[in-house]
Amino acid sequence: MMRNSAARLLAPGLNHPQRLKLAAELHSRPFISLAAPACVSHLAIHGDEGAQYDERVLADFCVRFGVAAPAPGAQHFFHDFGHFRLKWERHTEFSTFTFIEHNVSGEAFSETPMRHVPHDWLAMLDGKVIVASHIATECGERYELGNPRLRRLFPAVPLVGSRVLGGGELWTDFLIGPDGFSRFLLRDTGLREMQLGRVVQRICEIETYVMMALLALPLARSNAALLEKVEEDVARLGLRMQVFEPAADEALLLEITQLAAKVRSMSFDSGYRFSAAQAYHRIVRARIGELREKRIEGVPTVGEFMDRRLVPAMDTCVSVAARQEALANKVSRSNDLLRTRVSIAQERQSQRVLESLSHSAAMQLRLQQAVEGLSVVAISYYGISLGAYALKALKGWGAGVNVDGVVGVLLPLVLGATWLGMRRMRHQLHVRQAPTPAQ
């Protein structure tokens, strides 16, 4: 029996190298275990320093309380510090610190876990806090819209509320208070075990991912202003392209190339931010769906509030991203068109140069032929003259030579011999100048 049981064990060497690590990732970030009354303070840190900064801040916090910090490269950390518990998570662009305190007495938000956090440690987060929120949890009966306590806790308008998971109530105004924190009141009116912690985590995630998604909005607005100017420049260059001026095409091509580089640089700088905003928006919608909200008459739900406020901002980002891409394609097509036109003009110019060179070569050939003819005449003239002088010398010595007759007979022979000699010489020169075939 023992042998059969051992035979069913999976040998460690059979596992994929990443199997255990991936399986642990599924269970690495459990829901917060909460029981009302409790208060949760949530901070999200976003900066350009990256993971090393987040780890340094967490390690400094742990040192202050005499707690061992997690190993470098850790993605999550949870510890009970006595008066409060801390849950830390590292995400792609940000990290979160969630402080939990149980058995909170007094009015909601009057005592929060942040009172246990050292002030000088908070000073290390200067310029990095993208989200800060308090979530007060309590048990009780359902509230109606006119409850005076709600008006005292959330005096601003509009008030947002809904019944969640069939046994809880969520109230907030999504405003940042004078203390720098937004507030959420979560009432347990019949939640099951672990549901309170699930709702709290969903609230933290919704608040964090909303702000991370909205980081793209200022960039979209600034890019929209730049796109208007670029579109004006493209329209102006388009009008200039309608007039065919080969001399000005190269300068026009340079301007369009600079515009194309500018638009591509803009798309490169903002492309990741816009894509991340859409990913965060999808997460927000998923987390809101998991709350399974039911309306409380007279107030919008969290989903309705986000549809009214967040969706237009995301639509703006999508519109600017699409506008950037369309403009980049338009400039690219104009660039290609102008390059084609410049190339055609250069080919025509090259063709005219080749025609000119061909005409010059033909003229040189004719001139060469004329020079060769003159050379034959000149060489034959000097040869006949020398022969005539020789015949005259023989006649002077008493030889009976008819000089004119002999010259008349020799003239065509000398011309023919000279022409054949010049032709053979030219042929030999051509053979020597011809390239030898590669071996």
Protein backbone atom coordinates (compact mmCIF):
# COMPACT_ATOMS: atom_id res chain seq x y z
CA MET A 1 0.00 0.00 0.00
CA MET A 2 2.85 2.34 0.86
CA ARG A 3 4.55 1.44 -2.39
CA ASN A 4 1.40 2.28 -4.39
CA SER A 5 0.98 5.59 -2.55
CA ALA A 6 4.57 6.56 -3.27
CA ALA A 7 4.15 5.65 -6.92
CA ARG A 8 1.44 8.30 -7.23
CA LEU A 9 3.73 11.11 -6.03
CA LEU A 10 4.93 13.52 -8.72
CA ALA A 11 8.69 13.74 -8.75
CA PRO A 12 9.95 17.34 -8.34
CA GLY A 13 12.00 17.10 -11.49
CA LEU A 14 8.85 16.62 -13.57
CA ASN A 15 7.55 20.12 -12.79
CA HIS A 16 7.93 22.94 -15.27
CA PRO A 17 10.51 25.46 -13.96
CA GLN A 18 7.79 28.09 -13.55
CA ARG A 19 4.95 25.88 -12.27
CA LEU A 20 5.30 26.42 -8.53
CA LYS A 21 6.02 30.12 -8.92
CA LEU A 22 2.97 30.64 -11.13
CA ALA A 23 0.75 28.62 -8.78
CA ALA A 24 1.93 30.74 -5.84
CA GLU A 25 1.09 33.90 -7.79
CA LEU A 26 -2.59 32.87 -7.86
CA HIS A 27 -2.69 32.87 -4.05
CA SER A 28 -0.23 35.67 -3.36
CA ARG A 29 -2.72 38.50 -2.80
CA PRO A 30 -5.66 37.24 -0.74
CA PHE A 31 -8.54 39.44 0.34
CA ILE A 32 -8.19 41.38 3.58
CA SER A 33 -9.77 39.60 6.55
CA LEU A 34 -12.00 42.21 8.22
CA ALA A 35 -14.66 42.34 10.89
CA ALA A 36 -16.60 45.54 11.60
CA PRO A 37 -16.06 47.91 13.22
CA ALA A 38 -12.72 48.61 11.55
CA CYS A 39 -11.02 51.41 9.65
CA VAL A 40 -8.78 51.09 6.64
CA SER A 41 -6.40 53.74 5.30
CA HIS A 42 -5.17 53.20 1.77
CA LEU A 43 -2.22 54.92 0.05
CA ALA A 44 -1.12 54.45 -3.57
CA ILE A 45 2.39 55.62 -4.44
CA HIS A 46 3.32 56.53 -8.00
CA GLY A 47 6.64 57.94 -9.12
CA ASP A 48 9.44 57.64 -11.65
CA GLU A 49 11.95 55.93 -9.34
CA GLY A 50 10.43 52.46 -9.82
CA ALA A 51 10.57 49.34 -7.67
CA GLN A 52 13.78 50.27 -5.83
CA TYR A 53 12.15 53.35 -4.37
CA ASP A 54 9.08 51.36 -3.25
CA GLU A 55 11.25 48.73 -1.59
CA ARG A 56 13.33 51.39 0.13
CA VAL A 57 10.24 53.12 1.53
CA LEU A 58 8.79 49.83 2.78
CA ALA A 59 12.10 48.78 4.32
CA ASP A 60 12.38 52.13 6.11
CA PHE A 61 8.86 51.68 7.53
CA CYS A 62 9.66 48.18 8.78
CA VAL A 63 12.91 49.33 10.40
CA ARG A 64 11.04 51.94 12.44
CA PHE A 65 8.94 49.17 14.03
CA GLY A 66 11.72 46.59 14.33
CA VAL A 67 10.23 44.29 11.69
CA ALA A 68 12.18 42.41 9.02
CA ALA A 69 11.50 43.81 5.57
CA PRO A 70 10.69 41.50 2.64
CA ALA A 71 13.48 40.33 0.35
CA PRO A 72 14.36 42.51 -2.65
CA GLY A 73 12.10 41.84 -5.61
CA ALA A 74 9.08 40.97 -3.45
CA GLN A 75 5.70 41.87 -4.93
CA HIS A 76 3.61 41.76 -1.74
CA PHE A 77 4.01 41.94 2.04
CA PHE A 78 1.63 41.52 4.98
CA HIS A 79 2.41 41.95 8.68
CA ASP A 80 0.65 42.59 11.97
CA PHE A 81 2.32 45.53 13.73
CA GLY A 82 0.18 45.24 16.86
CA HIS A 83 -2.00 48.35 16.78
CA PHE A 84 -2.53 47.92 13.04
CA ARG A 85 -1.83 45.59 10.15
CA LEU A 86 -0.10 46.53 6.91
CA LYS A 87 -0.67 45.08 3.46
CA TRP A 88 1.81 46.24 0.81
CA GLU A 89 1.61 45.37 -2.89
CA ARG A 90 3.83 46.24 -5.79
CA HIS A 91 2.13 46.74 -9.17
CA THR A 92 3.53 47.62 -12.58
CA GLU A 93 3.46 51.39 -12.16
CA PHE A 94 2.63 51.93 -8.51
CA SER A 95 2.66 50.38 -5.07
CA THR A 96 -0.01 50.44 -2.36
CA PHE A 97 0.12 50.64 1.43
CA THR A 98 -3.10 49.51 3.14
CA PHE A 99 -3.26 50.07 6.91
CA ILE A 100 -5.99 48.16 8.82
CA GLU A 101 -7.10 48.79 12.39
CA HIS A 102 -9.80 46.69 14.12
CA ASN A 103 -12.17 47.53 16.96
CA VAL A 104 -12.22 51.23 16.18
CA SER A 105 -14.39 53.18 18.60
CA GLY A 106 -16.04 56.54 18.20
CA GLU A 107 -17.45 58.29 15.17
CA ALA A 108 -16.44 57.08 11.72
CA PHE A 109 -13.17 58.61 10.48
CA SER A 110 -12.43 60.14 13.89
CA GLU A 111 -9.70 57.54 14.50
CA THR A 112 -7.80 56.11 11.54
CA PRO A 113 -4.73 53.86 11.29
CA MET A 114 -2.76 56.82 9.96
CA ARG A 115 -2.31 58.09 13.51
CA HIS A 116 0.15 55.23 14.04
CA VAL A 117 2.22 56.10 10.95
CA PRO A 118 5.33 58.26 11.66
CA HIS A 119 5.10 61.76 10.21
CA ASP A 120 8.71 61.79 9.03
CA TRP A 121 8.06 58.55 7.12
CA LEU A 122 5.10 60.20 5.37
CA ALA A 123 7.43 63.05 4.43
CA MET A 124 9.40 60.52 2.32
CA LEU A 125 6.35 60.23 0.05
CA ASP A 126 6.54 63.86 -0.99
CA GLY A 127 4.98 64.23 -4.43
CA LYS A 128 4.30 60.49 -4.80
CA VAL A 129 0.84 59.93 -3.29
CA ILE A 130 -1.68 59.44 -6.10
CA VAL A 131 -4.43 57.99 -3.86
CA ALA A 132 -5.21 58.47 -0.16
CA SER A 133 -8.50 57.23 1.24
CA HIS A 134 -10.15 56.18 4.49
CA ILE A 135 -12.70 53.36 4.56
CA ALA A 136 -14.77 53.10 7.74
CA THR A 137 -16.66 49.81 8.26
CA GLU A 138 -19.49 49.31 10.71
CA CYS A 139 -22.49 47.10 11.38
CA GLY A 140 -26.07 48.29 11.48
CA GLU A 141 -29.36 48.62 9.71
CA ARG A 142 -29.81 50.06 6.25
CA TYR A 143 -29.67 53.81 5.82
CA GLU A 144 -32.00 55.85 3.72
CA LEU A 145 -30.97 58.92 1.78
CA GLY A 146 -32.33 61.36 4.34
CA ASN A 147 -30.32 59.96 7.25
CA PRO A 148 -28.79 62.94 9.08
CA ARG A 149 -25.60 61.03 9.88
CA LEU A 150 -24.88 60.65 6.16
CA ARG A 151 -25.25 64.38 5.67
CA ARG A 152 -22.87 64.98 8.56
CA LEU A 153 -20.24 62.60 7.22
CA PHE A 154 -20.64 63.64 3.56
CA PRO A 155 -21.88 67.24 3.49
CA ALA A 156 -20.90 67.84 -0.14
CA VAL A 157 -23.04 67.06 -3.17
CA PRO A 158 -23.33 64.70 -4.94
CA LEU A 159 -23.60 61.77 -2.56
CA VAL A 160 -22.95 58.37 -4.11
CA GLY A 161 -24.39 55.21 -2.61
CA SER A 162 -25.49 51.68 -3.38
CA ARG A 163 -26.22 48.32 -1.81
CA VAL A 164 -23.45 45.85 -2.58
CA LEU A 165 -23.22 42.04 -2.55
CA GLY A 166 -26.75 41.82 -1.22
CA GLY A 167 -25.78 42.60 2.36
CA GLY A 168 -23.78 45.81 2.47
CA GLU A 169 -24.11 49.55 1.89
CA LEU A 170 -21.47 51.80 0.38
CA TRP A 171 -21.57 55.58 0.77
CA THR A 172 -19.07 58.16 -0.52
CA ASP A 173 -18.74 61.47 -2.32
CA PHE A 174 -15.36 60.73 -4.02
CA LEU A 175 -14.09 64.10 -2.82
CA ILE A 176 -10.68 64.73 -1.28
CA GLY A 177 -11.24 66.25 2.15
CA PRO A 178 -9.22 68.91 3.95
CA ASP A 179 -7.02 66.16 5.44
CA GLY A 180 -6.06 64.99 1.93
CA PHE A 181 -8.09 61.77 2.11
CA SER A 182 -11.25 60.68 0.38
CA ARG A 183 -13.85 58.89 2.50
CA PHE A 184 -15.92 55.73 2.11
CA LEU A 185 -18.46 54.42 4.60
CA LEU A 186 -19.11 50.69 4.28
CA ARG A 187 -21.96 49.33 6.39
CA ASP A 188 -22.38 45.62 7.05
CA THR A 189 -26.12 44.97 6.93
CA GLY A 190 -25.86 41.24 6.33
CA LEU A 191 -22.61 40.41 4.58
CA ARG A 192 -21.25 36.89 4.74
CA GLU A 193 -17.83 35.87 5.98
CA MET A 194 -14.92 37.45 4.00
CA GLN A 195 -17.31 39.63 1.98
CA LEU A 196 -16.44 42.73 4.00
CA GLY A 197 -12.76 42.34 3.16
CA ARG A 198 -13.59 41.72 -0.49
CA VAL A 199 -15.64 44.92 -0.72
CA VAL A 200 -12.90 46.95 1.00
CA GLN A 201 -10.30 45.64 -1.44
CA ARG A 202 -12.57 46.41 -4.39
CA ILE A 203 -13.04 49.97 -3.11
CA CYS A 204 -9.26 50.42 -2.81
CA GLU A 205 -8.73 49.05 -6.30
CA ILE A 206 -11.47 51.18 -7.85
CA GLU A 207 -10.11 54.37 -6.26
CA THR A 208 -6.53 53.53 -7.30
CA TYR A 209 -7.22 52.43 -10.86
CA VAL A 210 -9.50 55.42 -11.47
CA MET A 211 -6.69 57.81 -10.60
CA MET A 212 -4.16 55.83 -12.63
CA ALA A 213 -6.50 55.91 -15.61
CA LEU A 214 -7.00 59.67 -15.24
CA LEU A 215 -3.24 60.25 -15.47
CA ALA A 216 -3.72 60.14 -19.25
CA LEU A 217 -6.24 63.00 -19.29
CA PRO A 218 -3.81 65.95 -18.84
CA LEU A 219 -1.58 64.41 -21.50
CA ALA A 220 -4.56 64.03 -23.84
CA ARG A 221 -5.51 67.68 -23.36
CA SER A 222 -1.98 68.95 -24.01
CA ASN A 223 -1.60 66.68 -27.05
CA ALA A 224 -4.93 67.87 -28.42
CA ALA A 225 -3.63 71.46 -28.46
CA LEU A 226 -0.42 70.33 -30.21
CA LEU A 227 -2.39 68.28 -32.72
CA GLU A 228 -4.40 71.34 -33.77
CA LYS A 229 -1.19 73.17 -34.70
CA VAL A 230 0.23 70.14 -36.50
CA GLU A 231 -3.02 69.69 -38.44
CA GLU A 232 -2.82 73.33 -39.54
CA ASP A 233 0.76 72.78 -40.72
CA VAL A 234 -0.26 69.63 -42.59
CA ALA A 235 -3.13 71.47 -44.30
CA ARG A 236 -0.79 74.31 -45.29
CA LEU A 237 1.78 71.90 -46.70
CA GLY A 238 -1.00 70.03 -48.52
CA LEU A 239 -1.94 73.22 -50.36
CA ARG A 240 1.69 73.78 -51.29
CA MET A 241 1.94 70.24 -52.61
CA GLN A 242 -0.87 70.93 -55.08
CA VAL A 243 1.44 73.34 -56.93
CA PHE A 244 4.12 71.41 -58.79
CA GLU A 245 7.41 73.22 -58.25
CA PRO A 246 10.36 70.81 -58.56
CA ALA A 247 12.77 73.39 -57.18
CA ALA A 248 10.72 73.75 -53.96
CA ASP A 249 9.87 70.07 -53.50
CA GLU A 250 13.02 69.22 -51.57
CA ALA A 251 12.41 71.99 -49.02
CA LEU A 252 8.78 70.87 -48.76
CA LEU A 253 9.91 67.28 -48.23
CA LEU A 254 12.16 68.38 -45.38
CA GLU A 255 9.27 70.16 -43.64
CA ILE A 256 6.96 67.15 -44.00
CA THR A 257 9.69 64.83 -42.70
CA GLN A 258 10.08 67.04 -39.62
CA LEU A 259 6.31 66.98 -39.06
CA ALA A 260 6.24 63.20 -39.39
CA ALA A 261 9.02 62.88 -36.79
CA LYS A 262 7.15 65.25 -34.47
CA VAL A 263 3.88 63.30 -34.70
CA ARG A 264 5.61 59.94 -34.29
CA SER A 265 7.47 61.24 -31.25
CA MET A 266 4.19 62.44 -29.77
CA SER A 267 2.58 59.05 -30.37
CA PHE A 268 5.59 57.25 -28.89
CA ASP A 269 5.60 59.40 -25.73
CA SER A 270 1.86 59.12 -25.08
CA GLY A 271 1.03 55.73 -26.58
CA TYR A 272 1.87 53.76 -23.45
CA ARG A 273 -0.02 56.18 -21.20
CA PHE A 274 -3.18 55.96 -23.32
CA SER A 275 -2.98 52.17 -23.54
CA ALA A 276 -2.47 51.91 -19.78
CA ALA A 277 -5.47 54.19 -19.20
CA GLN A 278 -7.70 51.86 -21.20
CA ALA A 279 -6.39 48.85 -19.29
CA TYR A 280 -7.05 50.58 -15.95
CA HIS A 281 -10.51 51.59 -17.11
CA ARG A 282 -11.34 47.98 -17.93
CA ILE A 283 -10.21 46.95 -14.45
CA VAL A 284 -12.38 49.66 -12.87
CA ARG A 285 -15.42 48.45 -14.76
CA ALA A 286 -14.69 44.86 -13.76
CA ARG A 287 -14.31 45.78 -10.09
CA ILE A 288 -17.54 47.79 -10.11
CA GLY A 289 -19.31 44.82 -11.68
CA GLU A 290 -18.05 42.58 -8.88
CA LEU A 291 -19.80 44.80 -6.31
CA ARG A 292 -23.17 43.76 -7.79
CA GLU A 293 -24.66 47.16 -6.98
CA LYS A 294 -28.33 47.86 -6.38
CA ARG A 295 -29.73 51.35 -6.50
CA ILE A 296 -30.67 53.43 -3.49
CA GLU A 297 -33.37 55.82 -4.65
CA GLY A 298 -32.18 59.39 -4.92
CA VAL A 299 -28.43 58.79 -5.28
CA PRO A 300 -26.31 57.48 -8.15
CA THR A 301 -24.47 54.21 -7.80
CA VAL A 302 -20.69 53.98 -8.10
CA GLY A 303 -21.12 52.59 -11.61
CA GLU A 304 -23.40 55.43 -12.65
CA PHE A 305 -21.05 58.01 -11.16
CA MET A 306 -18.10 56.56 -13.10
CA ASP A 307 -20.14 56.35 -16.31
CA ARG A 308 -20.84 60.04 -16.00
CA ARG A 309 -17.41 61.26 -14.89
CA LEU A 310 -14.76 58.71 -15.87
CA VAL A 311 -16.09 57.47 -19.21
CA PRO A 312 -15.98 60.92 -20.91
CA ALA A 313 -12.37 61.34 -19.78
CA MET A 314 -11.46 57.93 -21.20
CA ASP A 315 -13.32 58.74 -24.43
CA THR A 316 -11.21 61.89 -24.69
CA CYS A 317 -8.03 59.85 -24.36
CA VAL A 318 -9.25 57.35 -26.96
CA SER A 319 -10.19 60.18 -29.31
CA VAL A 320 -6.81 61.90 -29.00
CA ALA A 321 -4.96 58.59 -29.46
CA ALA A 322 -6.98 57.82 -32.59
CA ARG A 323 -6.46 61.38 -33.83
CA GLN A 324 -2.71 61.05 -33.33
CA GLU A 325 -2.61 57.80 -35.24
CA ALA A 326 -4.74 59.15 -38.08
CA LEU A 327 -2.60 62.28 -38.33
CA ALA A 328 0.59 60.19 -38.30
CA ASN A 329 -0.76 58.07 -41.17
CA LYS A 330 -1.83 61.18 -43.08
CA VAL A 331 1.59 62.80 -42.72
CA SER A 332 3.25 59.50 -43.68
CA ARG A 333 1.16 59.25 -46.85
CA SER A 334 1.95 62.87 -47.76
CA ASN A 335 5.61 62.17 -47.11
CA ASP A 336 5.55 59.10 -49.35
CA LEU A 337 3.70 60.98 -52.09
CA LEU A 338 6.15 63.86 -52.06
CA ARG A 339 9.13 61.49 -52.00
CA THR A 340 7.69 59.76 -55.06
CA ARG A 341 7.29 63.08 -56.82
CA VAL A 342 10.83 64.14 -55.94
CA SER A 343 12.14 60.76 -57.10
CA ILE A 344 10.31 61.09 -60.45
CA ALA A 345 11.74 64.58 -60.91
CA GLN A 346 15.23 63.30 -60.11
CA GLU A 347 14.79 60.41 -62.56
CA ARG A 348 13.72 62.84 -65.27
CA GLN A 349 16.74 65.00 -64.56
CA SER A 350 18.99 61.95 -64.64
CA GLN A 351 17.42 60.90 -67.94
CA ARG A 352 18.14 64.32 -69.43
CA VAL A 353 21.74 64.09 -68.20
CA LEU A 354 22.08 60.65 -69.79
CA GLU A 355 20.62 61.93 -73.04
CA SER A 356 23.07 64.81 -72.98
CA LEU A 357 25.96 62.44 -72.33
CA SER A 358 24.77 60.18 -75.17
CA HIS A 359 24.57 63.14 -77.53
CA SER A 360 28.07 64.24 -76.45
CA ALA A 361 29.39 60.72 -77.04
CA ALA A 362 27.85 60.67 -80.51
CA MET A 363 29.40 64.03 -81.31
CA GLN A 364 32.75 62.83 -80.01
CA LEU A 365 32.48 59.72 -82.19
CA ARG A 366 31.75 61.82 -85.25
CA LEU A 367 34.60 64.16 -84.40
CA GLN A 368 36.87 61.18 -83.91
CA GLN A 369 35.86 59.77 -87.28
CA ALA A 370 36.48 63.13 -88.90
CA VAL A 371 39.88 63.38 -87.22
CA GLU A 372 40.72 59.87 -88.39
CA GLY A 373 39.81 60.81 -91.96
CA LEU A 374 41.93 63.91 -91.78
CA SER A 375 44.72 61.85 -90.24
CA VAL A 376 44.59 59.40 -93.17
CA VAL A 377 44.78 62.29 -95.65
CA ALA A 378 47.59 63.99 -93.73
CA ILE A 379 49.67 60.82 -93.36
CA SER A 380 49.07 59.88 -96.98
CA TYR A 381 50.01 63.41 -98.10
CA TYR A 382 53.30 63.33 -96.21
CA GLY A 383 54.04 59.78 -97.43
CA ILE A 384 53.40 60.69 -101.09
CA SER A 385 55.45 63.87 -100.66
CA LEU A 386 58.40 61.92 -99.29
CA GLY A 387 58.06 59.39 -102.12
CA ALA A 388 57.88 62.17 -104.70
CA TYR A 389 61.09 63.69 -103.31
CA ALA A 390 62.78 60.31 -103.62
CA LEU A 391 61.58 59.84 -107.23
CA LYS A 392 62.79 63.33 -108.13
CA ALA A 393 66.21 62.52 -106.69
CA LEU A 394 66.38 59.38 -108.81
CA LYS A 395 65.35 61.33 -111.89
CA GLY A 396 68.09 63.88 -111.15
CA TRP A 397 70.64 61.09 -111.00
CA GLY A 398 69.73 60.12 -114.56
CA ALA A 399 67.11 57.45 -114.00
CA GLY A 400 64.30 57.69 -116.45
CA VAL A 401 61.42 57.87 -113.98
CA ASN A 402 58.05 59.45 -114.70
CA VAL A 403 57.55 61.07 -111.31
CA ASP A 404 53.96 62.24 -111.87
CA GLY A 405 52.89 58.87 -113.21
CA VAL A 406 54.41 56.95 -110.33
CA VAL A 407 52.88 59.39 -107.79
CA GLY A 408 49.49 58.94 -109.43
CA VAL A 409 49.79 55.16 -109.13
CA LEU A 410 51.05 55.25 -105.51
CA LEU A 411 48.39 57.70 -104.28
CA PRO A 412 45.45 55.24 -103.95
CA LEU A 413 47.78 52.55 -102.64
CA VAL A 414 49.14 54.79 -99.91
CA LEU A 415 45.66 56.02 -98.99
CA GLY A 416 44.39 52.45 -98.75
CA ALA A 417 47.38 51.27 -96.72
CA THR A 418 47.11 54.22 -94.34
CA TRP A 419 43.38 53.67 -93.81
CA LEU A 420 43.89 49.96 -93.11
CA GLY A 421 46.71 50.74 -90.70
CA MET A 422 44.59 53.29 -88.76
CA ARG A 423 41.69 50.83 -88.58
CA ARG A 424 43.92 48.02 -87.31
CA MET A 425 45.45 50.30 -84.70
CA ARG A 426 42.00 51.39 -83.43
CA HIS A 427 40.92 47.76 -83.21
CA GLN A 428 43.96 46.84 -81.16
CA LEU A 429 43.31 49.76 -78.78
CA HIS A 430 39.70 48.63 -78.26
CA VAL A 431 40.84 45.08 -77.53
CA ARG A 432 43.33 46.28 -74.91
CA GLN A 433 40.77 48.56 -73.18
CA ALA A 434 37.99 45.94 -73.10
CA PRO A 435 37.55 44.40 -69.54
CA THR A 436 38.64 40.79 -69.19
CA PRO A 437 35.94 38.33 -68.06
CA ALA A 438 36.10 37.18 -64.42
CA GLN A 439 37.68 33.78 -63.97
